[in-house]
N, C-alpha and C. Protein backbone atom coordinates (compact mmCIF):
# COMPACT_ATOMS: atom_id res chain seq x y z
N MET A 1 -29.85 2.92 7.59
CA MET A 1 -28.92 3.85 6.95
C MET A 1 -27.61 3.12 6.63
N ALA A 2 -27.14 3.28 5.41
CA ALA A 2 -25.90 2.62 4.97
C ALA A 2 -24.69 3.39 5.49
N TYR A 3 -23.76 2.66 6.07
CA TYR A 3 -22.54 3.28 6.55
C TYR A 3 -21.39 3.08 5.58
N SER A 4 -21.66 2.39 4.49
CA SER A 4 -20.67 2.24 3.44
C SER A 4 -21.39 2.36 2.11
N GLY A 5 -20.63 2.63 1.08
CA GLY A 5 -21.23 2.78 -0.24
C GLY A 5 -20.23 3.28 -1.25
N LYS A 6 -20.76 3.64 -2.40
CA LYS A 6 -19.93 4.13 -3.49
C LYS A 6 -19.97 5.65 -3.48
N TYR A 7 -18.79 6.25 -3.65
CA TYR A 7 -18.71 7.71 -3.70
C TYR A 7 -18.45 8.14 -5.14
N THR A 8 -19.27 9.06 -5.62
CA THR A 8 -19.09 9.61 -6.95
C THR A 8 -18.59 11.05 -6.81
N PRO A 9 -17.35 11.30 -7.21
CA PRO A 9 -16.79 12.65 -7.02
C PRO A 9 -17.40 13.68 -7.97
N THR A 10 -17.50 14.91 -7.47
CA THR A 10 -17.97 16.00 -8.32
C THR A 10 -16.81 16.53 -9.17
N ASN A 11 -15.59 16.24 -8.75
CA ASN A 11 -14.38 16.64 -9.49
C ASN A 11 -13.54 15.40 -9.79
N PRO A 12 -13.99 14.55 -10.70
CA PRO A 12 -13.29 13.27 -10.94
C PRO A 12 -11.86 13.42 -11.43
N LYS A 13 -11.51 14.57 -12.02
CA LYS A 13 -10.14 14.76 -12.52
C LYS A 13 -9.14 14.89 -11.37
N LYS A 14 -9.62 15.25 -10.18
CA LYS A 14 -8.75 15.35 -9.01
C LYS A 14 -8.43 13.97 -8.43
N TYR A 15 -9.24 12.99 -8.76
CA TYR A 15 -9.05 11.66 -8.17
C TYR A 15 -7.90 10.94 -8.86
N LEU A 16 -6.95 10.45 -8.07
CA LEU A 16 -5.76 9.79 -8.59
C LEU A 16 -6.00 8.28 -8.63
N GLY A 17 -6.73 7.85 -9.62
CA GLY A 17 -7.11 6.46 -9.74
C GLY A 17 -8.41 6.40 -10.54
N ASP A 18 -9.12 5.31 -10.40
CA ASP A 18 -10.39 5.14 -11.11
C ASP A 18 -11.51 5.80 -10.31
N PRO A 19 -12.04 6.94 -10.78
CA PRO A 19 -13.07 7.65 -10.01
C PRO A 19 -14.42 6.92 -9.98
N THR A 20 -14.55 5.84 -10.73
CA THR A 20 -15.81 5.09 -10.71
C THR A 20 -15.81 3.98 -9.66
N GLY A 21 -14.69 3.79 -8.99
CA GLY A 21 -14.60 2.70 -8.02
C GLY A 21 -14.29 3.13 -6.60
N ILE A 22 -14.69 4.34 -6.23
CA ILE A 22 -14.39 4.85 -4.89
C ILE A 22 -15.43 4.32 -3.90
N ILE A 23 -14.95 3.63 -2.88
CA ILE A 23 -15.83 3.06 -1.85
C ILE A 23 -15.52 3.71 -0.51
N PHE A 24 -16.56 4.16 0.19
CA PHE A 24 -16.36 4.62 1.56
C PHE A 24 -16.86 3.52 2.50
N ARG A 25 -16.12 3.31 3.59
CA ARG A 25 -16.45 2.24 4.53
C ARG A 25 -17.04 2.76 5.83
N SER A 26 -17.19 4.08 5.91
CA SER A 26 -17.84 4.71 7.06
C SER A 26 -18.31 6.09 6.63
N LEU A 27 -19.23 6.64 7.38
CA LEU A 27 -19.69 8.00 7.08
C LEU A 27 -18.59 9.02 7.34
N TRP A 28 -17.66 8.67 8.23
CA TRP A 28 -16.51 9.55 8.46
C TRP A 28 -15.65 9.62 7.22
N GLU A 29 -15.40 8.46 6.60
CA GLU A 29 -14.62 8.45 5.35
C GLU A 29 -15.34 9.27 4.29
N ARG A 30 -16.63 9.08 4.16
CA ARG A 30 -17.40 9.83 3.16
C ARG A 30 -17.26 11.33 3.39
N ARG A 31 -17.33 11.74 4.64
CA ARG A 31 -17.18 13.16 4.99
C ARG A 31 -15.83 13.69 4.51
N VAL A 32 -14.76 12.92 4.71
CA VAL A 32 -13.42 13.32 4.27
C VAL A 32 -13.36 13.36 2.75
N PHE A 33 -13.97 12.37 2.07
CA PHE A 33 -13.97 12.35 0.61
C PHE A 33 -14.63 13.61 0.05
N VAL A 34 -15.76 14.00 0.60
CA VAL A 34 -16.48 15.20 0.14
C VAL A 34 -15.59 16.43 0.33
N TYR A 35 -14.93 16.52 1.48
CA TYR A 35 -14.04 17.64 1.76
C TYR A 35 -12.90 17.70 0.73
N LEU A 36 -12.25 16.56 0.50
CA LEU A 36 -11.12 16.52 -0.43
C LEU A 36 -11.57 16.83 -1.86
N ASP A 37 -12.71 16.28 -2.24
CA ASP A 37 -13.25 16.46 -3.58
C ASP A 37 -13.57 17.93 -3.86
N ASN A 38 -14.06 18.63 -2.87
CA ASN A 38 -14.53 20.00 -3.07
C ASN A 38 -13.57 21.10 -2.63
N ASN A 39 -12.49 20.75 -1.96
CA ASN A 39 -11.54 21.74 -1.47
C ASN A 39 -10.59 22.14 -2.60
N PRO A 40 -10.56 23.44 -2.96
CA PRO A 40 -9.70 23.87 -4.07
C PRO A 40 -8.20 23.75 -3.76
N ASN A 41 -7.84 23.62 -2.48
CA ASN A 41 -6.42 23.47 -2.12
C ASN A 41 -5.91 22.05 -2.31
N ILE A 42 -6.81 21.11 -2.53
CA ILE A 42 -6.43 19.72 -2.77
C ILE A 42 -6.28 19.55 -4.28
N ILE A 43 -5.06 19.19 -4.72
CA ILE A 43 -4.86 19.04 -6.17
C ILE A 43 -5.06 17.61 -6.62
N GLY A 44 -5.01 16.65 -5.68
CA GLY A 44 -5.24 15.26 -6.02
C GLY A 44 -5.45 14.44 -4.77
N TRP A 45 -6.25 13.38 -4.91
CA TRP A 45 -6.49 12.48 -3.78
C TRP A 45 -6.92 11.12 -4.29
N SER A 46 -6.79 10.11 -3.42
CA SER A 46 -7.26 8.78 -3.75
C SER A 46 -7.59 8.05 -2.45
N SER A 47 -8.29 6.93 -2.59
CA SER A 47 -8.68 6.14 -1.43
C SER A 47 -8.25 4.69 -1.62
N GLU A 48 -7.50 4.20 -0.65
CA GLU A 48 -7.02 2.81 -0.64
C GLU A 48 -6.28 2.41 -1.92
N GLU A 49 -5.52 3.34 -2.47
CA GLU A 49 -4.75 3.07 -3.69
C GLU A 49 -3.29 2.72 -3.37
N ILE A 50 -2.83 3.02 -2.15
CA ILE A 50 -1.45 2.75 -1.74
C ILE A 50 -1.44 1.46 -0.92
N VAL A 51 -0.41 0.64 -1.13
CA VAL A 51 -0.26 -0.60 -0.37
C VAL A 51 1.05 -0.53 0.42
N ILE A 52 0.95 -0.72 1.74
CA ILE A 52 2.13 -0.67 2.60
C ILE A 52 2.24 -2.01 3.35
N PRO A 53 3.35 -2.73 3.18
CA PRO A 53 3.51 -3.98 3.93
C PRO A 53 3.81 -3.69 5.40
N TYR A 54 3.30 -4.55 6.29
CA TYR A 54 3.60 -4.45 7.71
C TYR A 54 3.58 -5.85 8.33
N VAL A 55 4.23 -5.98 9.46
CA VAL A 55 4.23 -7.25 10.18
C VAL A 55 3.21 -7.16 11.30
N SER A 56 2.23 -8.04 11.28
CA SER A 56 1.18 -8.03 12.30
C SER A 56 1.68 -8.68 13.58
N PRO A 57 1.45 -8.03 14.73
CA PRO A 57 1.83 -8.66 16.00
C PRO A 57 0.90 -9.82 16.36
N ALA A 58 -0.22 -9.94 15.67
CA ALA A 58 -1.17 -11.02 15.97
C ALA A 58 -0.65 -12.37 15.49
N ASP A 59 0.04 -12.38 14.33
CA ASP A 59 0.53 -13.66 13.80
C ASP A 59 1.98 -13.60 13.33
N ASN A 60 2.61 -12.44 13.51
CA ASN A 60 4.02 -12.23 13.14
C ASN A 60 4.28 -12.49 11.66
N ARG A 61 3.27 -12.22 10.82
CA ARG A 61 3.41 -12.40 9.38
C ARG A 61 3.25 -11.06 8.67
N ILE A 62 3.74 -11.00 7.44
CA ILE A 62 3.61 -9.79 6.64
C ILE A 62 2.20 -9.72 6.06
N HIS A 63 1.59 -8.56 6.20
CA HIS A 63 0.26 -8.28 5.65
C HIS A 63 0.34 -7.01 4.82
N ARG A 64 -0.75 -6.70 4.11
CA ARG A 64 -0.81 -5.47 3.30
C ARG A 64 -1.78 -4.50 3.93
N TYR A 65 -1.33 -3.27 4.10
CA TYR A 65 -2.12 -2.20 4.68
C TYR A 65 -2.49 -1.22 3.58
N PHE A 66 -3.77 -0.92 3.45
CA PHE A 66 -4.28 0.04 2.47
C PHE A 66 -4.79 1.25 3.24
N PRO A 67 -3.97 2.30 3.41
CA PRO A 67 -4.44 3.48 4.14
C PRO A 67 -5.68 4.08 3.46
N ASP A 68 -6.49 4.74 4.27
CA ASP A 68 -7.77 5.26 3.77
C ASP A 68 -7.63 6.28 2.65
N VAL A 69 -6.70 7.23 2.81
CA VAL A 69 -6.65 8.33 1.85
C VAL A 69 -5.21 8.76 1.57
N PHE A 70 -4.97 9.11 0.32
CA PHE A 70 -3.72 9.73 -0.14
C PHE A 70 -4.11 11.13 -0.61
N VAL A 71 -3.37 12.16 -0.16
CA VAL A 71 -3.74 13.55 -0.46
C VAL A 71 -2.54 14.33 -0.95
N LYS A 72 -2.74 15.09 -2.03
CA LYS A 72 -1.70 16.00 -2.54
C LYS A 72 -2.22 17.42 -2.52
N THR A 73 -1.42 18.32 -1.94
CA THR A 73 -1.69 19.76 -2.03
C THR A 73 -0.47 20.36 -2.72
N ASN A 74 -0.48 21.67 -2.91
CA ASN A 74 0.69 22.32 -3.50
C ASN A 74 1.90 22.24 -2.58
N ASN A 75 1.63 22.15 -1.26
CA ASN A 75 2.72 22.21 -0.27
C ASN A 75 3.18 20.87 0.27
N LYS A 76 2.28 19.87 0.28
CA LYS A 76 2.67 18.59 0.87
C LYS A 76 1.85 17.43 0.34
N THR A 77 2.35 16.26 0.65
CA THR A 77 1.68 15.01 0.31
C THR A 77 1.48 14.25 1.61
N MET A 78 0.26 13.71 1.79
CA MET A 78 -0.07 13.04 3.04
C MET A 78 -0.76 11.70 2.78
N VAL A 79 -0.55 10.80 3.71
CA VAL A 79 -1.30 9.55 3.78
C VAL A 79 -2.12 9.67 5.06
N VAL A 80 -3.43 9.42 4.94
CA VAL A 80 -4.34 9.65 6.06
C VAL A 80 -5.11 8.38 6.40
N GLU A 81 -5.18 8.09 7.68
CA GLU A 81 -6.01 6.99 8.19
C GLU A 81 -7.12 7.60 9.04
N ILE A 82 -8.34 7.12 8.85
CA ILE A 82 -9.52 7.62 9.58
C ILE A 82 -9.97 6.52 10.52
N LYS A 83 -9.90 6.79 11.83
CA LYS A 83 -10.21 5.77 12.83
C LYS A 83 -10.92 6.40 14.03
N PRO A 84 -11.73 5.62 14.73
CA PRO A 84 -12.27 6.09 16.01
C PRO A 84 -11.12 6.34 16.99
N HIS A 85 -11.25 7.37 17.79
CA HIS A 85 -10.21 7.71 18.77
C HIS A 85 -9.90 6.51 19.67
N SER A 86 -10.94 5.75 20.02
CA SER A 86 -10.75 4.60 20.91
C SER A 86 -9.78 3.57 20.33
N GLN A 87 -9.64 3.52 19.01
CA GLN A 87 -8.71 2.57 18.39
C GLN A 87 -7.31 3.16 18.22
N SER A 88 -7.15 4.43 18.57
CA SER A 88 -5.85 5.07 18.42
C SER A 88 -5.10 5.20 19.74
N ILE A 89 -5.74 4.77 20.84
CA ILE A 89 -5.10 4.83 22.15
C ILE A 89 -5.05 3.42 22.74
N GLU A 90 -4.05 3.20 23.57
CA GLU A 90 -3.90 1.88 24.19
C GLU A 90 -5.07 1.60 25.13
N PRO A 91 -5.65 0.41 25.01
CA PRO A 91 -6.77 0.07 25.89
C PRO A 91 -6.34 0.08 27.36
N LYS A 92 -7.24 0.53 28.22
CA LYS A 92 -6.95 0.52 29.65
C LYS A 92 -6.98 -0.92 30.15
N LYS A 93 -6.01 -1.24 31.01
CA LYS A 93 -5.94 -2.60 31.55
C LYS A 93 -7.18 -2.87 32.39
N LYS A 94 -7.72 -4.07 32.22
CA LYS A 94 -8.91 -4.47 32.95
C LYS A 94 -8.55 -5.55 33.95
N THR A 95 -9.31 -5.62 35.01
CA THR A 95 -9.07 -6.67 35.99
C THR A 95 -9.59 -8.01 35.47
N LYS A 96 -10.66 -7.95 34.69
CA LYS A 96 -11.22 -9.17 34.11
C LYS A 96 -10.90 -9.18 32.61
N ILE A 97 -10.24 -10.24 32.16
CA ILE A 97 -9.87 -10.36 30.75
C ILE A 97 -11.05 -10.96 29.98
N THR A 98 -11.69 -10.12 29.19
CA THR A 98 -12.85 -10.56 28.40
C THR A 98 -12.45 -10.66 26.92
N LYS A 99 -13.32 -11.30 26.16
CA LYS A 99 -13.09 -11.40 24.71
C LYS A 99 -13.03 -10.01 24.09
N SER A 100 -13.90 -9.12 24.55
CA SER A 100 -13.94 -7.75 24.07
C SER A 100 -12.61 -7.04 24.33
N TYR A 101 -12.08 -7.20 25.53
CA TYR A 101 -10.81 -6.58 25.89
C TYR A 101 -9.68 -7.13 25.03
N ILE A 102 -9.66 -8.44 24.83
CA ILE A 102 -8.62 -9.06 23.98
C ILE A 102 -8.70 -8.50 22.56
N ASN A 103 -9.92 -8.34 22.03
CA ASN A 103 -10.09 -7.76 20.69
C ASN A 103 -9.57 -6.33 20.63
N GLU A 104 -9.83 -5.55 21.68
CA GLU A 104 -9.33 -4.16 21.73
C GLU A 104 -7.80 -4.14 21.71
N VAL A 105 -7.18 -5.02 22.48
CA VAL A 105 -5.71 -5.07 22.54
C VAL A 105 -5.12 -5.48 21.19
N VAL A 106 -5.73 -6.50 20.57
CA VAL A 106 -5.24 -6.96 19.27
C VAL A 106 -5.41 -5.87 18.21
N THR A 107 -6.58 -5.22 18.18
CA THR A 107 -6.84 -4.14 17.22
C THR A 107 -5.83 -3.02 17.40
N TYR A 108 -5.60 -2.62 18.64
CA TYR A 108 -4.64 -1.56 18.92
C TYR A 108 -3.24 -1.96 18.44
N GLY A 109 -2.82 -3.19 18.74
CA GLY A 109 -1.50 -3.65 18.33
C GLY A 109 -1.33 -3.68 16.83
N ILE A 110 -2.35 -4.16 16.12
CA ILE A 110 -2.30 -4.20 14.66
C ILE A 110 -2.26 -2.78 14.10
N ASN A 111 -3.10 -1.89 14.63
CA ASN A 111 -3.08 -0.50 14.17
C ASN A 111 -1.71 0.13 14.37
N GLN A 112 -1.10 -0.10 15.53
CA GLN A 112 0.22 0.47 15.79
C GLN A 112 1.25 -0.04 14.80
N ALA A 113 1.19 -1.34 14.47
CA ALA A 113 2.13 -1.91 13.49
C ALA A 113 1.91 -1.30 12.11
N LYS A 114 0.65 -1.16 11.70
CA LYS A 114 0.34 -0.53 10.41
C LYS A 114 0.87 0.89 10.37
N TRP A 115 0.59 1.64 11.42
CA TRP A 115 0.95 3.06 11.43
C TRP A 115 2.46 3.27 11.51
N LYS A 116 3.16 2.37 12.19
CA LYS A 116 4.63 2.46 12.23
C LYS A 116 5.18 2.27 10.82
N SER A 117 4.67 1.27 10.12
CA SER A 117 5.11 1.03 8.74
C SER A 117 4.74 2.19 7.84
N ALA A 118 3.55 2.75 8.03
CA ALA A 118 3.11 3.89 7.21
C ALA A 118 3.99 5.11 7.45
N LYS A 119 4.37 5.35 8.70
CA LYS A 119 5.23 6.50 9.02
C LYS A 119 6.58 6.34 8.32
N GLU A 120 7.15 5.13 8.37
CA GLU A 120 8.43 4.87 7.71
C GLU A 120 8.30 5.02 6.19
N TYR A 121 7.24 4.48 5.63
CA TYR A 121 6.95 4.57 4.20
C TYR A 121 6.89 6.04 3.77
N CYS A 122 6.15 6.83 4.54
CA CYS A 122 6.01 8.26 4.22
C CYS A 122 7.31 9.02 4.41
N LEU A 123 8.01 8.74 5.48
CA LEU A 123 9.29 9.41 5.75
C LEU A 123 10.26 9.20 4.59
N ASP A 124 10.31 7.97 4.06
CA ASP A 124 11.19 7.65 2.93
C ASP A 124 10.86 8.48 1.69
N ARG A 125 9.62 8.95 1.59
CA ARG A 125 9.17 9.69 0.40
C ARG A 125 8.99 11.19 0.65
N GLY A 126 9.27 11.62 1.86
CA GLY A 126 9.09 13.04 2.20
C GLY A 126 7.62 13.41 2.38
N TRP A 127 6.80 12.43 2.71
CA TRP A 127 5.37 12.65 2.93
C TRP A 127 5.08 12.70 4.42
N GLU A 128 3.83 12.97 4.74
CA GLU A 128 3.37 13.01 6.13
C GLU A 128 2.31 11.92 6.33
N PHE A 129 2.34 11.26 7.48
CA PHE A 129 1.29 10.29 7.83
C PHE A 129 0.47 10.87 8.97
N VAL A 130 -0.86 10.82 8.82
CA VAL A 130 -1.76 11.42 9.80
C VAL A 130 -2.91 10.45 10.11
N VAL A 131 -3.24 10.33 11.39
CA VAL A 131 -4.43 9.60 11.81
C VAL A 131 -5.47 10.63 12.22
N ILE A 132 -6.64 10.55 11.59
CA ILE A 132 -7.74 11.47 11.90
C ILE A 132 -8.82 10.69 12.65
N THR A 133 -9.27 11.26 13.77
CA THR A 133 -10.34 10.64 14.55
C THR A 133 -11.53 11.61 14.60
N GLU A 134 -12.56 11.22 15.34
CA GLU A 134 -13.71 12.11 15.50
C GLU A 134 -13.33 13.43 16.14
N LYS A 135 -12.21 13.47 16.87
CA LYS A 135 -11.77 14.72 17.49
C LYS A 135 -11.41 15.75 16.42
N GLU A 136 -10.73 15.28 15.36
CA GLU A 136 -10.38 16.20 14.27
C GLU A 136 -11.59 16.47 13.37
N LEU A 137 -12.40 15.44 13.15
CA LEU A 137 -13.54 15.59 12.24
C LEU A 137 -14.66 16.46 12.82
N PHE A 138 -14.89 16.30 14.13
CA PHE A 138 -16.05 16.96 14.74
C PHE A 138 -15.68 17.86 15.91
N GLY A 139 -14.39 17.95 16.23
CA GLY A 139 -13.97 18.79 17.35
C GLY A 139 -14.42 18.26 18.70
N LYS A 140 -14.59 16.94 18.81
CA LYS A 140 -15.07 16.36 20.07
C LYS A 140 -13.92 15.96 20.96
């Protein structure tokens, strides 16, 4: 089963960008795309069309962050990131430092840097930044 692919919107006029080039990188992203595409309260949306610079704690250099989704409703504008809950919380300290644990810490640190920059970017524009996990998607 493919966990990534091309998404073809049923309402291409709502898509703020090229509706022929929408790529989902997880089934969770696809689920959100279908919701946005079919929800009458969403007046426009896009995927990975916004670029936000951030400084990575891994190498202390500027990188480009492409948030998963940009959403416009009549009441607000949001930038949304879709991530597993495990990547949105600080890893628990382990007694044994493994490669897996180091990867978790680095991923968490990079995500925090991206999200801090995204919050500032959105605040400057009067938008909202939201991280959605399986808890919001599936109520788990």
